């Protein structure tokens, strides 16, 4: 006879990952009023994302008036802005160390590029 002692336990830790960029990487003809978003596999803390998540023009300058707010049951971070220029390239940049609400950190830098439509 075999007797077991307790239930076996398995704990799986899933790393923080991006599940979607909106607009998607390489998108063109995007309305300049669009609010870009990055969605993750875990809830995020928008206040903690400052400095590790940015929206930049193709020349490297930060977009004026950028604020990061939570959306999508806190799984998405929305990059609200004053205005994007028409017919301009933009980069959503995520830096390693960007952390979820429970402290899981992004392991590597990521970027997604898009271009707005002419006004």
PDB file of N, CA and C in Angstrom:
ATOM      1  N   UNK A   1       0.814  -1.184   0.000  1.00  0.00           N
ATOM      2  CA  UNK A   1       0.000   0.000   0.000  1.00  0.00           C
ATOM      3  C   UNK A   1       0.859   1.250   0.000  1.00  0.00           C
ATOM      4  N   UNK A   2       0.377   2.241  -0.747  1.00  0.00           N
ATOM      5  CA  UNK A   2       1.050   3.532  -0.773  1.00  0.00           C
ATOM      6  C   UNK A   2       0.163   4.565  -0.104  1.00  0.00           C
ATOM      7  N   UNK A   3       0.779   5.375   0.689  1.00  0.00           N
ATOM      8  CA  UNK A   3       0.044   6.445   1.333  1.00  0.00           C
ATOM      9  C   UNK A   3       0.706   7.768   0.969  1.00  0.00           C
ATOM     10  N   UNK A   4      -0.099   8.748   0.614  1.00  0.00           N
ATOM     11  CA  UNK A   4       0.421  10.071   0.287  1.00  0.00           C
ATOM     12  C   UNK A   4       0.270  11.001   1.464  1.00  0.00           C
ATOM     13  N   UNK A   5       1.115  11.931   1.527  1.00  0.00           N
ATOM     14  CA  UNK A   5       1.061  12.911   2.606  1.00  0.00           C
ATOM     15  C   UNK A   5       0.784  14.280   1.986  1.00  0.00           C
ATOM     16  N   UNK A   6      -0.431  14.747   2.103  1.00  0.00           N
ATOM     17  CA  UNK A   6      -0.791  16.054   1.555  1.00  0.00           C
ATOM     18  C   UNK A   6      -0.919  16.029   0.043  1.00  0.00           C
ATOM     19  N   UNK A   7      -1.232  17.148  -0.503  1.00  0.00           N
ATOM     20  CA  UNK A   7      -1.388  17.298  -1.944  1.00  0.00           C
ATOM     21  C   UNK A   7      -0.122  17.899  -2.537  1.00  0.00           C
ATOM     22  N   UNK A   8       0.331  17.388  -3.648  1.00  0.00           N
ATOM     23  CA  UNK A   8       1.477  18.037  -4.284  1.00  0.00           C
ATOM     24  C   UNK A   8       1.082  19.444  -4.730  1.00  0.00           C
ATOM     25  N   UNK A   9       2.003  20.366  -4.596  1.00  0.00           N
ATOM     26  CA  UNK A   9       1.723  21.742  -4.980  1.00  0.00           C
ATOM     27  C   UNK A   9       2.716  22.183  -6.045  1.00  0.00           C
ATOM     28  N   UNK A  10       2.198  22.863  -6.996  1.00  0.00           N
ATOM     29  CA  UNK A  10       3.014  23.388  -8.076  1.00  0.00           C
ATOM     30  C   UNK A  10       2.681  24.861  -8.223  1.00  0.00           C
ATOM     31  N   UNK A  11       3.705  25.676  -8.154  1.00  0.00           N
ATOM     32  CA  UNK A  11       3.493  27.105  -8.329  1.00  0.00           C
ATOM     33  C   UNK A  11       4.169  27.524  -9.633  1.00  0.00           C
ATOM     34  N   UNK A  12       3.395  28.109 -10.521  1.00  0.00           N
ATOM     35  CA  UNK A  12       3.913  28.562 -11.802  1.00  0.00           C
ATOM     36  C   UNK A  12       3.909  30.088 -11.798  1.00  0.00           C
ATOM     37  N   UNK A  13       5.047  30.657 -12.076  1.00  0.00           N
ATOM     38  CA  UNK A  13       5.151  32.107 -12.158  1.00  0.00           C
ATOM     39  C   UNK A  13       5.294  32.488 -13.626  1.00  0.00           C
ATOM     40  N   UNK A  14       4.334  33.253 -14.111  1.00  0.00           N
ATOM     41  CA  UNK A  14       4.335  33.690 -15.506  1.00  0.00           C
ATOM     42  C   UNK A  14       4.980  35.070 -15.565  1.00  0.00           C
ATOM     43  N   UNK A  15       6.012  35.229 -16.391  1.00  0.00           N
ATOM     44  CA  UNK A  15       6.657  36.548 -16.474  1.00  0.00           C
ATOM     45  C   UNK A  15       5.738  37.584 -17.108  1.00  0.00           C
ATOM     46  N   UNK A  16       6.014  38.838 -16.819  1.00  0.00           N
ATOM     47  CA  UNK A  16       5.263  39.936 -17.426  1.00  0.00           C
ATOM     48  C   UNK A  16       5.535  39.955 -18.928  1.00  0.00           C
ATOM     49  N   UNK A  17       4.468  40.060 -19.714  1.00  0.00           N
ATOM     50  CA  UNK A  17       4.608  40.076 -21.168  1.00  0.00           C
ATOM     51  C   UNK A  17       3.575  41.013 -21.790  1.00  0.00           C
ATOM     52  N   UNK A  18       3.939  41.592 -22.921  1.00  0.00           N
ATOM     53  CA  UNK A  18       3.013  42.405 -23.717  1.00  0.00           C
ATOM     54  C   UNK A  18       2.177  41.458 -24.563  1.00  0.00           C
ATOM     55  N   UNK A  19       0.859  41.645 -24.544  1.00  0.00           N
ATOM     56  CA  UNK A  19      -0.013  40.827 -25.383  1.00  0.00           C
ATOM     57  C   UNK A  19      -0.537  41.599 -26.597  1.00  0.00           C
ATOM     58  N   UNK A  20      -0.438  42.948 -26.556  1.00  0.00           N
ATOM     59  CA  UNK A  20      -0.939  43.722 -27.686  1.00  0.00           C
ATOM     60  C   UNK A  20      -0.430  45.157 -27.636  1.00  0.00           C
ATOM     61  N   UNK A  21      -0.049  45.653 -28.792  1.00  0.00           N
ATOM     62  CA  UNK A  21       0.204  47.081 -28.988  1.00  0.00           C
ATOM     63  C   UNK A  21      -0.920  47.588 -29.880  1.00  0.00           C
ATOM     64  N   UNK A  22      -1.451  48.777 -29.562  1.00  0.00           N
ATOM     65  CA  UNK A  22      -2.438  49.405 -30.436  1.00  0.00           C
ATOM     66  C   UNK A  22      -2.046  50.864 -30.601  1.00  0.00           C
ATOM     67  N   UNK A  23      -1.772  51.317 -31.801  1.00  0.00           N
ATOM     68  CA  UNK A  23      -1.766  50.590 -33.058  1.00  0.00           C
ATOM     69  C   UNK A  23      -0.662  49.530 -33.077  1.00  0.00           C
ATOM     70  N   UNK A  24      -0.838  48.552 -33.938  1.00  0.00           N
ATOM     71  CA  UNK A  24       0.139  47.468 -34.022  1.00  0.00           C
ATOM     72  C   UNK A  24       1.448  47.963 -34.622  1.00  0.00           C
ATOM     73  N   UNK A  25       2.515  47.228 -34.371  1.00  0.00           N
ATOM     74  CA  UNK A  25       3.832  47.599 -34.873  1.00  0.00           C
ATOM     75  C   UNK A  25       3.808  47.694 -36.406  1.00  0.00           C
ATOM     76  N   UNK A  26       4.278  48.813 -36.917  1.00  0.00           N
ATOM     77  CA  UNK A  26       4.338  49.013 -38.363  1.00  0.00           C
ATOM     78  C   UNK A  26       3.082  49.611 -38.974  1.00  0.00           C
ATOM     79  N   UNK A  27       2.074  49.907 -38.166  1.00  0.00           N
ATOM     80  CA  UNK A  27       0.823  50.473 -38.691  1.00  0.00           C
ATOM     81  C   UNK A  27       1.081  51.843 -39.320  1.00  0.00           C
ATOM     82  N   UNK A  28       0.351  52.144 -40.390  1.00  0.00           N
ATOM     83  CA  UNK A  28       0.443  53.440 -41.069  1.00  0.00           C
ATOM     84  C   UNK A  28      -0.963  54.001 -41.257  1.00  0.00           C
ATOM     85  N   UNK A  29      -1.032  55.317 -41.444  1.00  0.00           N
ATOM     86  CA  UNK A  29      -2.329  55.957 -41.668  1.00  0.00           C
ATOM     87  C   UNK A  29      -3.182  56.031 -40.417  1.00  0.00           C
ATOM     88  N   UNK A  30      -2.564  56.091 -39.256  1.00  0.00           N
ATOM     89  CA  UNK A  30      -3.289  56.125 -37.984  1.00  0.00           C
ATOM     90  C   UNK A  30      -3.792  57.543 -37.711  1.00  0.00           C
ATOM     91  N   UNK A  31      -5.033  57.672 -37.283  1.00  0.00           N
ATOM     92  CA  UNK A  31      -5.618  58.960 -36.938  1.00  0.00           C
ATOM     93  C   UNK A  31      -4.787  59.592 -35.816  1.00  0.00           C
ATOM     94  N   UNK A  32      -4.334  60.858 -35.981  1.00  0.00           N
ATOM     95  CA  UNK A  32      -3.522  61.501 -34.950  1.00  0.00           C
ATOM     96  C   UNK A  32      -4.224  61.635 -33.597  1.00  0.00           C
ATOM     97  N   UNK A  33      -5.545  61.515 -33.561  1.00  0.00           N
ATOM     98  CA  UNK A  33      -6.273  61.587 -32.295  1.00  0.00           C
ATOM     99  C   UNK A  33      -6.297  60.246 -31.553  1.00  0.00           C
ATOM    100  N   UNK A  34      -5.797  59.194 -32.176  1.00  0.00           N
ATOM    101  CA  UNK A  34      -5.781  57.870 -31.556  1.00  0.00           C
ATOM    102  C   UNK A  34      -4.986  57.891 -30.255  1.00  0.00           C
ATOM    103  N   UNK A  35      -5.495  57.190 -29.254  1.00  0.00           N
ATOM    104  CA  UNK A  35      -4.778  57.030 -27.990  1.00  0.00           C
ATOM    105  C   UNK A  35      -4.094  55.669 -28.022  1.00  0.00           C
ATOM    106  N   UNK A  36      -2.758  55.652 -28.181  1.00  0.00           N
ATOM    107  CA  UNK A  36      -2.046  54.374 -28.206  1.00  0.00           C
ATOM    108  C   UNK A  36      -2.197  53.629 -26.876  1.00  0.00           C
ATOM    109  N   UNK A  37      -2.115  52.295 -26.946  1.00  0.00           N
ATOM    110  CA  UNK A  37      -2.251  51.461 -25.749  1.00  0.00           C
ATOM    111  C   UNK A  37      -1.301  50.278 -25.830  1.00  0.00           C
ATOM    112  N   UNK A  38      -0.884  49.822 -24.668  1.00  0.00           N
ATOM    113  CA  UNK A  38      -0.088  48.607 -24.541  1.00  0.00           C
ATOM    114  C   UNK A  38      -0.808  47.735 -23.527  1.00  0.00           C
ATOM    115  N   UNK A  39      -1.136  46.497 -23.929  1.00  0.00           N
ATOM    116  CA  UNK A  39      -1.846  45.586 -23.037  1.00  0.00           C
ATOM    117  C   UNK A  39      -0.919  44.451 -22.608  1.00  0.00           C
ATOM    118  N   UNK A  40      -1.084  44.024 -21.371  1.00  0.00           N
ATOM    119  CA  UNK A  40      -0.196  43.054 -20.742  1.00  0.00           C
ATOM    120  C   UNK A  40      -0.966  41.829 -20.256  1.00  0.00           C
ATOM    121  N   UNK A  41      -0.245  40.816 -19.854  1.00  0.00           N
ATOM    122  CA  UNK A  41      -0.848  39.599 -19.333  1.00  0.00           C
ATOM    123  C   UNK A  41      -1.115  39.675 -17.836  1.00  0.00           C
ATOM    124  N   UNK A  42      -0.834  40.794 -17.207  1.00  0.00           N
ATOM    125  CA  UNK A  42      -1.064  40.998 -15.772  1.00  0.00           C
ATOM    126  C   UNK A  42      -1.593  42.412 -15.549  1.00  0.00           C
ATOM    127  N   UNK A  43      -2.282  42.647 -14.440  1.00  0.00           N
ATOM    128  CA  UNK A  43      -2.709  44.017 -14.121  1.00  0.00           C
ATOM    129  C   UNK A  43      -1.483  44.918 -13.922  1.00  0.00           C
ATOM    130  N   UNK A  44      -1.633  46.167 -14.353  1.00  0.00           N
ATOM    131  CA  UNK A  44      -0.534  47.128 -14.295  1.00  0.00           C
ATOM    132  C   UNK A  44      -0.869  48.289 -13.363  1.00  0.00           C
ATOM    133  N   UNK A  45       0.152  48.967 -12.884  1.00  0.00           N
ATOM    134  CA  UNK A  45       0.009  50.169 -12.067  1.00  0.00           C
ATOM    135  C   UNK A  45       0.465  51.346 -12.926  1.00  0.00           C
ATOM    136  N   UNK A  46      -0.479  52.137 -13.393  1.00  0.00           N
ATOM    137  CA  UNK A  46      -0.159  53.235 -14.314  1.00  0.00           C
ATOM    138  C   UNK A  46       0.810  54.234 -13.682  1.00  0.00           C
ATOM    139  N   UNK A  47       0.649  54.526 -12.404  1.00  0.00           N
ATOM    140  CA  UNK A  47       1.528  55.489 -11.741  1.00  0.00           C
ATOM    141  C   UNK A  47       2.973  54.996 -11.723  1.00  0.00           C
ATOM    142  N   UNK A  48       3.169  53.706 -11.585  1.00  0.00           N
ATOM    143  CA  UNK A  48       4.518  53.137 -11.522  1.00  0.00           C
ATOM    144  C   UNK A  48       5.159  53.035 -12.909  1.00  0.00           C
ATOM    145  N   UNK A  49       4.387  53.182 -13.972  1.00  0.00           N
ATOM    146  CA  UNK A  49       4.909  53.030 -15.341  1.00  0.00           C
ATOM    147  C   UNK A  49       5.673  54.254 -15.820  1.00  0.00           C
ATOM    148  N   UNK A  50       5.489  55.380 -15.166  1.00  0.00           N
ATOM    149  CA  UNK A  50       6.160  56.607 -15.579  1.00  0.00           C
ATOM    150  C   UNK A  50       7.668  56.396 -15.570  1.00  0.00           C
ATOM    151  N   UNK A  51       8.317  56.787 -16.664  1.00  0.00           N
ATOM    152  CA  UNK A  51       9.756  56.623 -16.782  1.00  0.00           C
ATOM    153  C   UNK A  51      10.160  55.338 -17.486  1.00  0.00           C
ATOM    154  N   UNK A  52       9.304  54.324 -17.443  1.00  0.00           N
ATOM    155  CA  UNK A  52       9.618  53.052 -18.100  1.00  0.00           C
ATOM    156  C   UNK A  52       8.779  52.841 -19.353  1.00  0.00           C
ATOM    157  N   UNK A  53       7.808  53.709 -19.594  1.00  0.00           N
ATOM    158  CA  UNK A  53       6.939  53.634 -20.772  1.00  0.00           C
ATOM    159  C   UNK A  53       6.852  55.034 -21.361  1.00  0.00           C
ATOM    160  N   UNK A  54       7.117  55.146 -22.652  1.00  0.00           N
ATOM    161  CA  UNK A  54       7.087  56.473 -23.269  1.00  0.00           C
ATOM    162  C   UNK A  54       6.534  56.398 -24.685  1.00  0.00           C
ATOM    163  N   UNK A  55       6.112  57.551 -25.172  1.00  0.00           N
ATOM    164  CA  UNK A  55       5.689  57.734 -26.554  1.00  0.00           C
ATOM    165  C   UNK A  55       6.556  58.848 -27.110  1.00  0.00           C
ATOM    166  N   UNK A  56       7.313  58.529 -28.158  1.00  0.00           N
ATOM    167  CA  UNK A  56       8.279  59.479 -28.705  1.00  0.00           C
ATOM    168  C   UNK A  56       8.042  59.683 -30.190  1.00  0.00           C
ATOM    169  N   UNK A  57       8.380  60.885 -30.671  1.00  0.00           N
ATOM    170  CA  UNK A  57       8.366  61.145 -32.096  1.00  0.00           C
ATOM    171  C   UNK A  57       9.547  60.449 -32.745  1.00  0.00           C
ATOM    172  N   UNK A  58       9.492  60.309 -34.060  1.00  0.00           N
ATOM    173  CA  UNK A  58      10.567  59.599 -34.769  1.00  0.00           C
ATOM    174  C   UNK A  58      11.919  60.267 -34.587  1.00  0.00           C
ATOM    175  N   UNK A  59      11.935  61.540 -34.248  1.00  0.00           N
ATOM    176  CA  UNK A  59      13.192  62.249 -34.011  1.00  0.00           C
ATOM    177  C   UNK A  59      13.720  62.002 -32.596  1.00  0.00           C
ATOM    178  N   UNK A  60      12.949  61.306 -31.778  1.00  0.00           N
ATOM    179  CA  UNK A  60      13.394  60.963 -30.436  1.00  0.00           C
ATOM    180  C   UNK A  60      12.833  61.807 -29.320  1.00  0.00           C
ATOM    181  N   UNK A  61      12.134  62.884 -29.652  1.00  0.00           N
ATOM    182  CA  UNK A  61      11.573  63.734 -28.610  1.00  0.00           C
ATOM    183  C   UNK A  61      10.300  63.157 -28.014  1.00  0.00           C
ATOM    184  N   UNK A  62      10.103  63.375 -26.720  1.00  0.00           N
ATOM    185  CA  UNK A  62       8.897  62.904 -26.046  1.00  0.00           C
ATOM    186  C   UNK A  62       7.676  63.671 -26.545  1.00  0.00           C
ATOM    187  N   UNK A  63       6.551  62.999 -26.614  1.00  0.00           N
ATOM    188  CA  UNK A  63       5.289  63.622 -27.024  1.00  0.00           C
ATOM    189  C   UNK A  63       4.825  64.546 -25.889  1.00  0.00           C
ATOM    190  N   UNK A  64       4.495  65.816 -26.206  1.00  0.00           N
ATOM    191  CA  UNK A  64       4.062  66.742 -25.164  1.00  0.00           C
ATOM    192  C   UNK A  64       2.742  66.322 -24.516  1.00  0.00           C
ATOM    193  N   UNK A  65       2.636  66.612 -23.234  1.00  0.00           N
ATOM    194  CA  UNK A  65       1.395  66.375 -22.505  1.00  0.00           C
ATOM    195  C   UNK A  65       1.048  64.913 -22.313  1.00  0.00           C
ATOM    196  N   UNK A  66       2.034  64.029 -22.339  1.00  0.00           N
ATOM    197  CA  UNK A  66       1.759  62.593 -22.211  1.00  0.00           C
ATOM    198  C   UNK A  66       1.377  62.245 -20.773  1.00  0.00           C
ATOM    199  N   UNK A  67       0.296  61.482 -20.636  1.00  0.00           N
ATOM    200  CA  UNK A  67      -0.060  60.908 -19.341  1.00  0.00           C
ATOM    201  C   UNK A  67      -0.427  59.442 -19.560  1.00  0.00           C
ATOM    202  N   UNK A  68      -0.094  58.607 -18.581  1.00  0.00           N
ATOM    203  CA  UNK A  68      -0.340  57.173 -18.673  1.00  0.00           C
ATOM    204  C   UNK A  68      -1.461  56.827 -17.708  1.00  0.00           C
ATOM    205  N   UNK A  69      -2.516  56.218 -18.243  1.00  0.00           N
ATOM    206  CA  UNK A  69      -3.658  55.821 -17.416  1.00  0.00           C
ATOM    207  C   UNK A  69      -3.971  54.349 -17.667  1.00  0.00           C
ATOM    208  N   UNK A  70      -4.597  53.740 -16.674  1.00  0.00           N
ATOM    209  CA  UNK A  70      -4.954  52.324 -16.788  1.00  0.00           C
ATOM    210  C   UNK A  70      -6.264  52.169 -17.544  1.00  0.00           C
ATOM    211  N   UNK A  71      -6.396  51.065 -18.247  1.00  0.00           N
ATOM    212  CA  UNK A  71      -7.615  50.714 -18.959  1.00  0.00           C
ATOM    213  C   UNK A  71      -7.705  49.212 -19.076  1.00  0.00           C
ATOM    214  N   UNK A  72      -8.810  48.705 -19.584  1.00  0.00           N
ATOM    215  CA  UNK A  72      -8.938  47.265 -19.814  1.00  0.00           C
ATOM    216  C   UNK A  72      -8.754  46.451 -18.554  1.00  0.00           C
ATOM    217  N   UNK A  73      -9.492  46.758 -17.503  1.00  0.00           N
ATOM    218  CA  UNK A  73      -9.358  46.068 -16.214  1.00  0.00           C
ATOM    219  C   UNK A  73      -7.934  46.132 -15.690  1.00  0.00           C
ATOM    220  N   UNK A  74      -7.262  47.247 -15.925  1.00  0.00           N
ATOM    221  CA  UNK A  74      -5.892  47.513 -15.494  1.00  0.00           C
ATOM    222  C   UNK A  74      -4.850  46.647 -16.194  1.00  0.00           C
ATOM    223  N   UNK A  75      -5.234  45.919 -17.235  1.00  0.00           N
ATOM    224  CA  UNK A  75      -4.270  45.136 -18.006  1.00  0.00           C
ATOM    225  C   UNK A  75      -3.654  45.959 -19.139  1.00  0.00           C
ATOM    226  N   UNK A  76      -4.218  47.130 -19.409  1.00  0.00           N
ATOM    227  CA  UNK A  76      -3.711  47.989 -20.485  1.00  0.00           C
ATOM    228  C   UNK A  76      -3.275  49.332 -19.915  1.00  0.00           C
ATOM    229  N   UNK A  77      -2.260  49.895 -20.521  1.00  0.00           N
ATOM    230  CA  UNK A  77      -1.831  51.249 -20.199  1.00  0.00           C
ATOM    231  C   UNK A  77      -2.076  52.105 -21.435  1.00  0.00           C
ATOM    232  N   UNK A  78      -2.837  53.184 -21.260  1.00  0.00           N
ATOM    233  CA  UNK A  78      -3.190  54.091 -22.344  1.00  0.00           C
ATOM    234  C   UNK A  78      -2.260  55.296 -22.296  1.00  0.00           C
ATOM    235  N   UNK A  79      -1.737  55.688 -23.445  1.00  0.00           N
ATOM    236  CA  UNK A  79      -0.812  56.813 -23.536  1.00  0.00           C
ATOM    237  C   UNK A  79      -1.572  58.029 -24.058  1.00  0.00           C
ATOM    238  N   UNK A  80      -2.206  58.750 -23.152  1.00  0.00           N
ATOM    239  CA  UNK A  80      -2.980  59.922 -23.535  1.00  0.00           C
ATOM    240  C   UNK A  80      -2.026  61.077 -23.825  1.00  0.00           C
ATOM    241  N   UNK A  81      -2.397  61.891 -24.818  1.00  0.00           N
ATOM    242  CA  UNK A  81      -1.509  62.958 -25.276  1.00  0.00           C
ATOM    243  C   UNK A  81      -2.329  64.173 -25.674  1.00  0.00           C
ATOM    244  N   UNK A  82      -1.638  65.313 -25.820  1.00  0.00           N
ATOM    245  CA  UNK A  82      -2.307  66.534 -26.260  1.00  0.00           C
ATOM    246  C   UNK A  82      -2.679  66.423 -27.726  1.00  0.00           C
ATOM    247  N   UNK A  83      -1.728  66.034 -28.563  1.00  0.00           N
ATOM    248  CA  UNK A  83      -1.991  65.876 -29.994  1.00  0.00           C
ATOM    249  C   UNK A  83      -0.774  65.276 -30.670  1.00  0.00           C
ATOM    250  N   UNK A  84      -1.024  64.382 -31.590  1.00  0.00           N
ATOM    251  CA  UNK A  84       0.048  63.846 -32.414  1.00  0.00           C
ATOM    252  C   UNK A  84       0.029  64.593 -33.739  1.00  0.00           C
ATOM    253  N   UNK A  85       1.183  64.785 -34.329  1.00  0.00           N
ATOM    254  CA  UNK A  85       1.277  65.461 -35.622  1.00  0.00           C
ATOM    255  C   UNK A  85       0.868  64.498 -36.738  1.00  0.00           C
ATOM    256  N   UNK A  86       0.376  65.054 -37.826  1.00  0.00           N
ATOM    257  CA  UNK A  86       0.032  64.239 -38.986  1.00  0.00           C
ATOM    258  C   UNK A  86       1.273  63.821 -39.757  1.00  0.00           C
ATOM    259  N   UNK A  87       1.180  62.701 -40.450  1.00  0.00           N
ATOM    260  CA  UNK A  87       2.249  62.164 -41.292  1.00  0.00           C
ATOM    261  C   UNK A  87       3.595  62.138 -40.563  1.00  0.00           C
ATOM    262  N   UNK A  88       3.569  61.568 -39.359  1.00  0.00           N
ATOM    263  CA  UNK A  88       4.755  61.516 -38.498  1.00  0.00           C
ATOM    264  C   UNK A  88       4.889  60.121 -37.898  1.00  0.00           C
ATOM    265  N   UNK A  89       6.118  59.661 -37.777  1.00  0.00           N
ATOM    266  CA  UNK A  89       6.382  58.380 -37.140  1.00  0.00           C
ATOM    267  C   UNK A  89       6.498  58.524 -35.635  1.00  0.00           C
ATOM    268  N   UNK A  90       6.000  57.525 -34.907  1.00  0.00           N
ATOM    269  CA  UNK A  90       6.055  57.506 -33.449  1.00  0.00           C
ATOM    270  C   UNK A  90       6.532  56.141 -32.975  1.00  0.00           C
ATOM    271  N   UNK A  91       7.124  56.136 -31.777  1.00  0.00           N
ATOM    272  CA  UNK A  91       7.613  54.908 -31.161  1.00  0.00           C
ATOM    273  C   UNK A  91       7.058  54.809 -29.751  1.00  0.00           C
ATOM    274  N   UNK A  92       6.400  53.684 -29.457  1.00  0.00           N
ATOM    275  CA  UNK A  92       6.022  53.363 -28.082  1.00  0.00           C
ATOM    276  C   UNK A  92       7.210  52.576 -27.529  1.00  0.00           C
ATOM    277  N   UNK A  93       7.820  53.079 -26.468  1.00  0.00           N
ATOM    278  CA  UNK A  93       9.021  52.453 -25.932  1.00  0.00           C
ATOM    279  C   UNK A  93       8.777  51.953 -24.507  1.00  0.00           C
ATOM    280  N   UNK A  94       9.091  50.673 -24.273  1.00  0.00           N
ATOM    281  CA  UNK A  94       8.994  50.071 -22.945  1.00  0.00           C
ATOM    282  C   UNK A  94      10.403  49.673 -22.520  1.00  0.00           C
ATOM    283  N   UNK A  95      10.773  50.056 -21.329  1.00  0.00           N
ATOM    284  CA  UNK A  95      12.110  49.738 -20.837  1.00  0.00           C
ATOM    285  C   UNK A  95      12.056  48.566 -19.870  1.00  0.00           C
ATOM    286  N   UNK A  96      13.109  47.741 -19.913  1.00  0.00           N
ATOM    287  CA  UNK A  96      13.170  46.612 -18.978  1.00  0.00           C
ATOM    288  C   UNK A  96      13.032  47.163 -17.567  1.00  0.00           C
ATOM    289  N   UNK A  97      12.394  46.406 -16.725  1.00  0.00           N
ATOM    290  CA  UNK A  97      12.140  46.858 -15.364  1.00  0.00           C
ATOM    291  C   UNK A  97      10.732  47.401 -15.176  1.00  0.00           C
ATOM    292  N   UNK A  98      10.032  47.727 -16.287  1.00  0.00           N
ATOM    293  CA  UNK A  98       8.629  48.133 -16.168  1.00  0.00           C
ATOM    294  C   UNK A  98       7.915  47.032 -15.391  1.00  0.00           C
ATOM    295  N   UNK A  99       7.236  47.391 -14.334  1.00  0.00           N
ATOM    296  CA  UNK A  99       6.671  46.373 -13.443  1.00  0.00           C
ATOM    297  C   UNK A  99       5.150  46.367 -13.441  1.00  0.00           C
ATOM    298  N   UNK A 100       4.594  45.176 -13.252  1.00  0.00           N
ATOM    299  CA  UNK A 100       3.151  45.003 -13.101  1.00  0.00           C
ATOM    300  C   UNK A 100       2.760  45.403 -11.679  1.00  0.00           C
ATOM    301  N   UNK A 101       1.465  45.426 -11.412  1.00  0.00           N
ATOM    302  CA  UNK A 101       0.965  45.800 -10.086  1.00  0.00           C
ATOM    303  C   UNK A 101       1.479  44.851  -9.005  1.00  0.00           C
ATOM    304  N   UNK A 102       1.745  43.593  -9.370  1.00  0.00           N
ATOM    305  CA  UNK A 102       2.241  42.637  -8.365  1.00  0.00           C
ATOM    306  C   UNK A 102       3.765  42.545  -8.333  1.00  0.00           C
ATOM    307  N   UNK A 103       4.449  43.423  -9.079  1.00  0.00           N
ATOM    308  CA  UNK A 103       5.899  43.507  -9.012  1.00  0.00           C
ATOM    309  C   UNK A 103       6.675  42.726 -10.051  1.00  0.00           C
ATOM    310  N   UNK A 104       6.004  41.964 -10.914  1.00  0.00           N
ATOM    311  CA  UNK A 104       6.719  41.243 -11.978  1.00  0.00           C
ATOM    312  C   UNK A 104       7.257  42.269 -12.973  1.00  0.00           C
ATOM    313  N   UNK A 105       8.526  42.123 -13.355  1.00  0.00           N
ATOM    314  CA  UNK A 105       9.158  43.129 -14.206  1.00  0.00           C
ATOM    315  C   UNK A 105       9.384  42.615 -15.616  1.00  0.00           C
ATOM    316  N   UNK A 106       9.305  43.530 -16.558  1.00  0.00           N
ATOM    317  CA  UNK A 106       9.604  43.233 -17.956  1.00  0.00           C
ATOM    318  C   UNK A 106      11.096  42.931 -18.074  1.00  0.00           C
ATOM    319  N   UNK A 107      11.434  41.853 -18.748  1.00  0.00           N
ATOM    320  CA  UNK A 107      12.827  41.388 -18.787  1.00  0.00           C
ATOM    321  C   UNK A 107      13.679  42.098 -19.836  1.00  0.00           C
ATOM    322  N   UNK A 108      13.061  42.712 -20.828  1.00  0.00           N
ATOM    323  CA  UNK A 108      13.835  43.306 -21.915  1.00  0.00           C
ATOM    324  C   UNK A 108      13.155  44.573 -22.430  1.00  0.00           C
ATOM    325  N   UNK A 109      13.908  45.418 -23.086  1.00  0.00           N
ATOM    326  CA  UNK A 109      13.334  46.610 -23.719  1.00  0.00           C
ATOM    327  C   UNK A 109      12.499  46.178 -24.921  1.00  0.00           C
ATOM    328  N   UNK A 110      11.395  46.875 -25.166  1.00  0.00           N
ATOM    329  CA  UNK A 110      10.538  46.612 -26.321  1.00  0.00           C
ATOM    330  C   UNK A 110      10.167  47.940 -26.973  1.00  0.00           C
ATOM    331  N   UNK A 111       9.839  47.885 -28.253  1.00  0.00           N
ATOM    332  CA  UNK A 111       9.388  49.087 -28.959  1.00  0.00           C
ATOM    333  C   UNK A 111       8.397  48.691 -30.044  1.00  0.00           C
ATOM    334  N   UNK A 112       7.460  49.586 -30.327  1.00  0.00           N
ATOM    335  CA  UNK A 112       6.494  49.398 -31.400  1.00  0.00           C
ATOM    336  C   UNK A 112       6.374  50.732 -32.130  1.00  0.00           C
ATOM    337  N   UNK A 113       6.397  50.678 -33.460  1.00  0.00           N
ATOM    338  CA  UNK A 113       6.378  51.904 -34.266  1.00  0.00           C
ATOM    339  C   UNK A 113       5.091  51.999 -35.100  1.00  0.00           C
ATOM    340  N   UNK A 114       4.626  53.236 -35.263  1.00  0.00           N
ATOM    341  CA  UNK A 114       3.482  53.491 -36.142  1.00  0.00           C
ATOM    342  C   UNK A 114       3.624  54.870 -36.760  1.00  0.00           C
ATOM    343  N   UNK A 115       2.829  55.124 -37.813  1.00  0.00           N
ATOM    344  CA  UNK A 115       2.869  56.429 -38.492  1.00  0.00           C
ATOM    345  C   UNK A 115       1.452  56.958 -38.619  1.00  0.00           C
ATOM    346  N   UNK A 116       1.307  58.248 -38.313  1.00  0.00           N
ATOM    347  CA  UNK A 116      -0.009  58.870 -38.406  1.00  0.00           C
ATOM    348  C   UNK A 116      -0.340  59.266 -39.843  1.00  0.00           C
ATOM    349  N   UNK A 117      -1.618  59.436 -40.088  1.00  0.00           N
ATOM    350  CA  UNK A 117      -2.094  59.894 -41.399  1.00  0.00           C
ATOM    351  C   UNK A 117      -1.846  61.393 -41.533  1.00  0.00           C
ATOM    352  N   UNK A 118      -1.770  61.869 -42.768  1.00  0.00           N
ATOM    353  CA  UNK A 118      -1.634  63.298 -43.009  1.00  0.00           C
ATOM    354  C   UNK A 118      -2.914  63.987 -42.564  1.00  0.00           C
ATOM    355  N   UNK A 119      -2.778  65.180 -42.061  1.00  0.00           N
ATOM    356  CA  UNK A 119      -3.979  65.925 -41.593  1.00  0.00           C
ATOM    357  C   UNK A 119      -4.628  66.631 -42.741  1.00  0.00           C
TER     358      UNK A 119
END
